[in-house]
Amino acid sequence: MKKRINTENAPAAIGPYSQGIETDNLIFLSGQIPLDPNTMKLVEGDEEQIRQVFKNIEALCKEAGLDLNNVVKLNVSLQDLSLFNLVNDVMKELFEEPFPARAALQVARLPLDSSIEVEAILTKSI
């Protein structure tokens, strides 16, 4: 069984996918780019884009009745790996130890030319 996770507090899907899917004990969040959910436009600036992505992820966590501490895995895609340290700095502010497992890689291009996209896996049992 799967249940759709959907909120107006995160950007609407811009394709044939769900913002998130809940299964037994896990929630899978689709990749979030730094769109402001109110305007559906990219926010400006590298740090602002990173923060907006995590705001969008946090909004989806809340919709599922969870928070960022339920995140067990992140996949981070960056157009420029030079943003890696800035992502680390923001994550240190937002996440508690033990930090989620994570992959981070540089990609050629992201939707709408955003600088970052992050997908997450959450567990309901912490």
N, C-alpha and C. Protein backbone atom coordinates (compact mmCIF):
# COMPACT_ATOMS: atom_id res chain seq x y z
N MET A 1 0.83 -1.18 0.00
CA MET A 1 0.00 0.00 0.00
C MET A 1 0.88 1.25 0.00
N LYS A 2 0.49 2.24 -0.77
CA LYS A 2 1.21 3.50 -0.74
C LYS A 2 0.22 4.65 -0.66
N LYS A 3 0.66 5.69 0.03
CA LYS A 3 -0.17 6.88 0.25
C LYS A 3 0.61 8.10 -0.25
N ARG A 4 -0.06 8.97 -0.94
CA ARG A 4 0.56 10.18 -1.47
C ARG A 4 0.74 11.23 -0.38
N ILE A 5 1.91 11.85 -0.35
CA ILE A 5 2.18 12.99 0.53
C ILE A 5 2.13 14.23 -0.37
N ASN A 6 1.30 15.19 0.01
CA ASN A 6 1.12 16.37 -0.83
C ASN A 6 0.82 17.58 0.06
N THR A 7 1.46 18.70 -0.20
CA THR A 7 1.20 19.92 0.54
C THR A 7 1.38 21.13 -0.36
N GLU A 8 0.61 22.16 -0.10
CA GLU A 8 0.77 23.43 -0.81
C GLU A 8 1.96 24.22 -0.28
N ASN A 9 2.55 23.77 0.84
CA ASN A 9 3.69 24.46 1.44
C ASN A 9 5.02 24.06 0.82
N ALA A 10 4.98 23.19 -0.18
CA ALA A 10 6.15 22.82 -0.98
C ALA A 10 5.72 22.96 -2.44
N PRO A 11 6.68 23.13 -3.34
CA PRO A 11 6.32 23.32 -4.76
C PRO A 11 5.51 22.15 -5.30
N ALA A 12 4.53 22.48 -6.11
CA ALA A 12 3.74 21.45 -6.78
C ALA A 12 4.63 20.67 -7.73
N ALA A 13 4.30 19.41 -7.94
CA ALA A 13 5.05 18.58 -8.89
C ALA A 13 4.95 19.22 -10.28
N ILE A 14 6.07 19.25 -10.98
CA ILE A 14 6.07 19.83 -12.33
C ILE A 14 6.20 18.72 -13.38
N GLY A 15 5.62 17.59 -13.06
CA GLY A 15 5.63 16.44 -13.95
C GLY A 15 4.75 15.35 -13.38
N PRO A 16 4.77 14.18 -13.99
CA PRO A 16 3.92 13.07 -13.54
C PRO A 16 4.56 12.31 -12.37
N TYR A 17 4.63 12.96 -11.22
CA TYR A 17 5.17 12.33 -10.02
C TYR A 17 4.52 12.95 -8.80
N SER A 18 4.66 12.30 -7.67
CA SER A 18 4.13 12.79 -6.39
C SER A 18 5.22 13.52 -5.63
N GLN A 19 4.82 14.48 -4.80
CA GLN A 19 5.80 15.13 -3.94
C GLN A 19 6.44 14.11 -3.01
N GLY A 20 5.66 13.17 -2.56
CA GLY A 20 6.17 12.12 -1.69
C GLY A 20 5.24 10.94 -1.68
N ILE A 21 5.77 9.79 -1.30
CA ILE A 21 5.00 8.56 -1.19
C ILE A 21 5.33 7.92 0.15
N GLU A 22 4.28 7.58 0.89
CA GLU A 22 4.43 6.90 2.17
C GLU A 22 4.11 5.42 1.98
N THR A 23 4.98 4.56 2.47
CA THR A 23 4.73 3.13 2.51
C THR A 23 4.79 2.72 3.98
N ASP A 24 4.76 1.47 4.26
CA ASP A 24 4.69 0.99 5.65
C ASP A 24 5.41 1.89 6.65
N ASN A 25 6.71 1.86 6.66
CA ASN A 25 7.47 2.61 7.64
C ASN A 25 8.37 3.68 7.02
N LEU A 26 8.34 3.79 5.70
CA LEU A 26 9.22 4.72 5.02
C LEU A 26 8.44 5.74 4.20
N ILE A 27 9.04 6.91 4.06
CA ILE A 27 8.49 7.96 3.19
C ILE A 27 9.60 8.36 2.24
N PHE A 28 9.26 8.39 0.96
CA PHE A 28 10.19 8.77 -0.09
C PHE A 28 9.76 10.11 -0.65
N LEU A 29 10.64 11.11 -0.53
CA LEU A 29 10.34 12.44 -1.05
C LEU A 29 11.02 12.63 -2.39
N SER A 30 10.26 13.11 -3.36
CA SER A 30 10.83 13.41 -4.68
C SER A 30 11.85 14.53 -4.55
N GLY A 31 12.74 14.59 -5.51
CA GLY A 31 13.76 15.64 -5.51
C GLY A 31 13.12 17.02 -5.44
N GLN A 32 13.63 17.83 -4.54
CA GLN A 32 13.15 19.19 -4.37
C GLN A 32 14.18 20.16 -4.93
N ILE A 33 13.72 21.07 -5.74
CA ILE A 33 14.57 22.16 -6.21
C ILE A 33 14.13 23.42 -5.48
N PRO A 34 14.92 24.49 -5.54
CA PRO A 34 14.65 25.67 -4.73
C PRO A 34 13.55 26.59 -5.28
N LEU A 35 12.39 26.01 -5.49
CA LEU A 35 11.23 26.80 -5.91
C LEU A 35 10.51 27.33 -4.67
N ASP A 36 10.13 28.59 -4.72
CA ASP A 36 9.24 29.14 -3.71
C ASP A 36 7.86 28.58 -4.01
N PRO A 37 7.22 27.88 -3.07
CA PRO A 37 5.93 27.26 -3.37
C PRO A 37 4.82 28.26 -3.68
N ASN A 38 4.98 29.50 -3.25
CA ASN A 38 3.95 30.51 -3.51
C ASN A 38 4.03 31.07 -4.93
N THR A 39 5.25 31.20 -5.44
CA THR A 39 5.42 31.81 -6.77
C THR A 39 5.80 30.78 -7.83
N MET A 40 6.27 29.60 -7.39
CA MET A 40 6.79 28.56 -8.27
C MET A 40 7.95 29.09 -9.11
N LYS A 41 8.73 30.02 -8.54
CA LYS A 41 9.93 30.54 -9.17
C LYS A 41 11.13 30.21 -8.29
N LEU A 42 12.29 30.05 -8.94
CA LEU A 42 13.52 29.79 -8.19
C LEU A 42 13.88 30.99 -7.33
N VAL A 43 14.32 30.72 -6.10
CA VAL A 43 14.86 31.80 -5.27
C VAL A 43 16.26 32.13 -5.79
N GLU A 44 16.73 33.32 -5.48
CA GLU A 44 18.03 33.80 -5.97
C GLU A 44 19.14 33.52 -4.97
N GLY A 45 20.32 33.21 -5.45
CA GLY A 45 21.51 33.06 -4.62
C GLY A 45 21.74 31.63 -4.19
N ASP A 46 23.01 31.24 -4.11
CA ASP A 46 23.36 29.86 -3.79
C ASP A 46 22.86 29.44 -2.40
N GLU A 47 23.18 30.22 -1.37
CA GLU A 47 22.76 29.84 -0.02
C GLU A 47 21.25 29.83 0.10
N GLU A 48 20.59 30.81 -0.51
CA GLU A 48 19.13 30.88 -0.47
C GLU A 48 18.51 29.66 -1.17
N GLN A 49 19.12 29.22 -2.27
CA GLN A 49 18.62 28.04 -2.96
C GLN A 49 18.76 26.79 -2.08
N ILE A 50 19.89 26.66 -1.42
CA ILE A 50 20.11 25.51 -0.54
C ILE A 50 19.09 25.53 0.59
N ARG A 51 18.91 26.67 1.22
CA ARG A 51 17.95 26.77 2.32
C ARG A 51 16.52 26.50 1.86
N GLN A 52 16.16 26.99 0.67
CA GLN A 52 14.80 26.78 0.17
C GLN A 52 14.52 25.31 -0.08
N VAL A 53 15.50 24.59 -0.61
CA VAL A 53 15.32 23.14 -0.82
C VAL A 53 14.99 22.46 0.50
N PHE A 54 15.72 22.80 1.56
CA PHE A 54 15.47 22.15 2.84
C PHE A 54 14.16 22.64 3.48
N LYS A 55 13.75 23.88 3.20
CA LYS A 55 12.42 24.33 3.64
C LYS A 55 11.34 23.49 2.97
N ASN A 56 11.51 23.22 1.69
CA ASN A 56 10.54 22.41 0.97
C ASN A 56 10.49 20.99 1.52
N ILE A 57 11.65 20.43 1.81
CA ILE A 57 11.70 19.09 2.40
C ILE A 57 11.04 19.09 3.78
N GLU A 58 11.32 20.12 4.56
CA GLU A 58 10.73 20.22 5.90
C GLU A 58 9.20 20.33 5.82
N ALA A 59 8.67 21.07 4.84
CA ALA A 59 7.22 21.19 4.67
C ALA A 59 6.60 19.83 4.37
N LEU A 60 7.27 19.02 3.56
CA LEU A 60 6.77 17.68 3.25
C LEU A 60 6.86 16.77 4.47
N CYS A 61 7.93 16.92 5.25
CA CYS A 61 8.04 16.16 6.50
C CYS A 61 6.85 16.48 7.41
N LYS A 62 6.56 17.77 7.56
CA LYS A 62 5.45 18.19 8.43
C LYS A 62 4.12 17.64 7.94
N GLU A 63 3.93 17.64 6.63
CA GLU A 63 2.69 17.10 6.07
C GLU A 63 2.52 15.63 6.44
N ALA A 64 3.63 14.93 6.58
CA ALA A 64 3.60 13.51 6.96
C ALA A 64 3.57 13.32 8.48
N GLY A 65 3.55 14.44 9.23
CA GLY A 65 3.55 14.35 10.68
C GLY A 65 4.92 14.09 11.28
N LEU A 66 5.96 14.40 10.52
CA LEU A 66 7.34 14.14 10.94
C LEU A 66 8.15 15.44 10.89
N ASP A 67 9.45 15.33 11.12
CA ASP A 67 10.34 16.48 10.98
C ASP A 67 11.67 16.03 10.39
N LEU A 68 12.60 16.95 10.27
CA LEU A 68 13.88 16.64 9.63
C LEU A 68 14.66 15.53 10.36
N ASN A 69 14.37 15.34 11.64
CA ASN A 69 15.06 14.28 12.38
C ASN A 69 14.65 12.89 11.92
N ASN A 70 13.57 12.79 11.16
CA ASN A 70 13.14 11.50 10.62
C ASN A 70 13.84 11.15 9.30
N VAL A 71 14.62 12.09 8.76
CA VAL A 71 15.33 11.85 7.51
C VAL A 71 16.49 10.90 7.79
N VAL A 72 16.53 9.79 7.04
CA VAL A 72 17.62 8.83 7.20
C VAL A 72 18.58 8.82 6.02
N LYS A 73 18.16 9.36 4.87
CA LYS A 73 19.02 9.35 3.68
C LYS A 73 18.69 10.55 2.81
N LEU A 74 19.72 11.20 2.32
CA LEU A 74 19.59 12.31 1.37
C LEU A 74 20.44 12.03 0.15
N ASN A 75 19.92 12.40 -1.01
CA ASN A 75 20.69 12.41 -2.25
C ASN A 75 20.73 13.86 -2.71
N VAL A 76 21.93 14.41 -2.75
CA VAL A 76 22.12 15.81 -3.10
C VAL A 76 22.78 15.89 -4.47
N SER A 77 22.14 16.61 -5.38
CA SER A 77 22.71 16.85 -6.71
C SER A 77 23.02 18.34 -6.82
N LEU A 78 24.24 18.65 -7.23
CA LEU A 78 24.69 20.04 -7.36
C LEU A 78 25.18 20.28 -8.78
N GLN A 79 24.87 21.46 -9.31
CA GLN A 79 25.44 21.81 -10.61
C GLN A 79 26.92 22.15 -10.49
N ASP A 80 27.33 22.55 -9.28
CA ASP A 80 28.73 22.89 -9.05
C ASP A 80 29.13 22.36 -7.68
N LEU A 81 30.04 21.42 -7.66
CA LEU A 81 30.46 20.79 -6.41
C LEU A 81 31.15 21.78 -5.46
N SER A 82 31.46 22.97 -5.93
CA SER A 82 32.04 23.98 -5.04
C SER A 82 31.03 24.42 -3.97
N LEU A 83 29.76 24.08 -4.13
CA LEU A 83 28.75 24.40 -3.12
C LEU A 83 28.69 23.37 -2.00
N PHE A 84 29.50 22.33 -2.10
CA PHE A 84 29.49 21.23 -1.14
C PHE A 84 29.64 21.71 0.30
N ASN A 85 30.61 22.59 0.58
CA ASN A 85 30.83 23.06 1.95
C ASN A 85 29.67 23.89 2.45
N LEU A 86 29.04 24.67 1.57
CA LEU A 86 27.88 25.46 1.96
C LEU A 86 26.70 24.55 2.32
N VAL A 87 26.52 23.48 1.56
CA VAL A 87 25.49 22.49 1.88
C VAL A 87 25.78 21.89 3.26
N ASN A 88 27.03 21.56 3.53
CA ASN A 88 27.40 21.02 4.84
C ASN A 88 27.07 22.00 5.96
N ASP A 89 27.39 23.27 5.76
CA ASP A 89 27.12 24.29 6.79
C ASP A 89 25.63 24.39 7.08
N VAL A 90 24.81 24.42 6.04
CA VAL A 90 23.36 24.52 6.23
C VAL A 90 22.83 23.26 6.91
N MET A 91 23.33 22.11 6.49
CA MET A 91 22.87 20.86 7.11
C MET A 91 23.22 20.80 8.59
N LYS A 92 24.39 21.31 8.99
CA LYS A 92 24.77 21.32 10.40
C LYS A 92 23.78 22.13 11.23
N GLU A 93 23.20 23.18 10.64
CA GLU A 93 22.20 24.00 11.33
C GLU A 93 20.86 23.28 11.46
N LEU A 94 20.49 22.51 10.44
CA LEU A 94 19.14 21.97 10.35
C LEU A 94 18.97 20.56 10.90
N PHE A 95 20.03 19.77 10.88
CA PHE A 95 19.94 18.37 11.29
C PHE A 95 20.71 18.13 12.58
N GLU A 96 20.22 17.17 13.35
CA GLU A 96 20.89 16.76 14.58
C GLU A 96 21.62 15.45 14.33
N GLU A 97 22.61 15.18 15.17
CA GLU A 97 23.31 13.90 15.08
C GLU A 97 22.43 12.79 15.63
N PRO A 98 22.45 11.62 15.12
CA PRO A 98 23.26 11.23 13.98
C PRO A 98 22.68 11.82 12.69
N PHE A 99 23.55 12.42 11.90
CA PHE A 99 23.14 13.02 10.63
C PHE A 99 22.67 11.94 9.67
N PRO A 100 21.80 12.31 8.71
CA PRO A 100 21.35 11.32 7.73
C PRO A 100 22.52 10.82 6.88
N ALA A 101 22.39 9.61 6.38
CA ALA A 101 23.32 9.14 5.36
C ALA A 101 23.11 10.04 4.14
N ARG A 102 24.14 10.20 3.31
CA ARG A 102 24.01 11.15 2.20
C ARG A 102 24.94 10.80 1.06
N ALA A 103 24.45 11.06 -0.14
CA ALA A 103 25.30 11.06 -1.33
C ALA A 103 25.25 12.48 -1.88
N ALA A 104 26.36 12.95 -2.40
CA ALA A 104 26.41 14.28 -3.02
C ALA A 104 27.23 14.16 -4.29
N LEU A 105 26.67 14.67 -5.37
CA LEU A 105 27.41 14.59 -6.64
C LEU A 105 27.11 15.80 -7.51
N GLN A 106 28.03 16.04 -8.41
CA GLN A 106 27.86 17.12 -9.38
C GLN A 106 27.20 16.55 -10.63
N VAL A 107 26.23 17.30 -11.14
CA VAL A 107 25.51 16.88 -12.34
C VAL A 107 25.63 17.99 -13.39
N ALA A 108 25.37 17.64 -14.64
CA ALA A 108 25.51 18.61 -15.72
C ALA A 108 24.45 19.70 -15.68
N ARG A 109 23.22 19.31 -15.33
CA ARG A 109 22.14 20.29 -15.33
C ARG A 109 20.99 19.78 -14.48
N LEU A 110 20.28 20.72 -13.85
CA LEU A 110 19.12 20.39 -13.02
C LEU A 110 17.89 21.11 -13.56
N PRO A 111 16.69 20.66 -13.19
CA PRO A 111 15.48 21.31 -13.67
C PRO A 111 15.49 22.82 -13.40
N LEU A 112 15.05 23.57 -14.38
CA LEU A 112 14.97 25.03 -14.32
C LEU A 112 16.31 25.69 -14.03
N ASP A 113 17.41 24.97 -14.28
CA ASP A 113 18.77 25.46 -14.02
C ASP A 113 19.03 25.81 -12.56
N SER A 114 18.35 25.11 -11.65
CA SER A 114 18.62 25.34 -10.24
C SER A 114 20.02 24.84 -9.93
N SER A 115 20.59 25.33 -8.83
CA SER A 115 21.94 24.92 -8.46
C SER A 115 21.95 23.64 -7.64
N ILE A 116 20.78 23.24 -7.10
CA ILE A 116 20.72 22.09 -6.21
C ILE A 116 19.37 21.38 -6.35
N GLU A 117 19.40 20.06 -6.15
CA GLU A 117 18.19 19.26 -6.00
C GLU A 117 18.49 18.22 -4.93
N VAL A 118 17.53 18.01 -4.02
CA VAL A 118 17.73 17.06 -2.93
C VAL A 118 16.49 16.18 -2.82
N GLU A 119 16.72 14.87 -2.76
CA GLU A 119 15.64 13.93 -2.47
C GLU A 119 15.93 13.31 -1.11
N ALA A 120 14.88 12.81 -0.45
CA ALA A 120 15.03 12.31 0.92
C ALA A 120 14.22 11.06 1.14
N ILE A 121 14.74 10.25 2.07
CA ILE A 121 14.01 9.09 2.57
C ILE A 121 13.88 9.28 4.08
N LEU A 122 12.66 9.11 4.57
CA LEU A 122 12.37 9.26 5.99
C LEU A 122 11.87 7.95 6.56
N THR A 123 12.09 7.78 7.86
CA THR A 123 11.50 6.66 8.56
C THR A 123 10.49 7.21 9.57
N LYS A 124 9.40 6.49 9.76
CA LYS A 124 8.39 6.93 10.73
C LYS A 124 8.75 6.48 12.14
N SER A 125 9.68 5.54 12.29
CA SER A 125 10.03 5.05 13.62
C SER A 125 11.41 5.55 14.00
N ILE A 126 11.42 6.47 14.93
CA ILE A 126 12.69 7.00 15.44
C ILE A 126 12.75 6.70 16.92
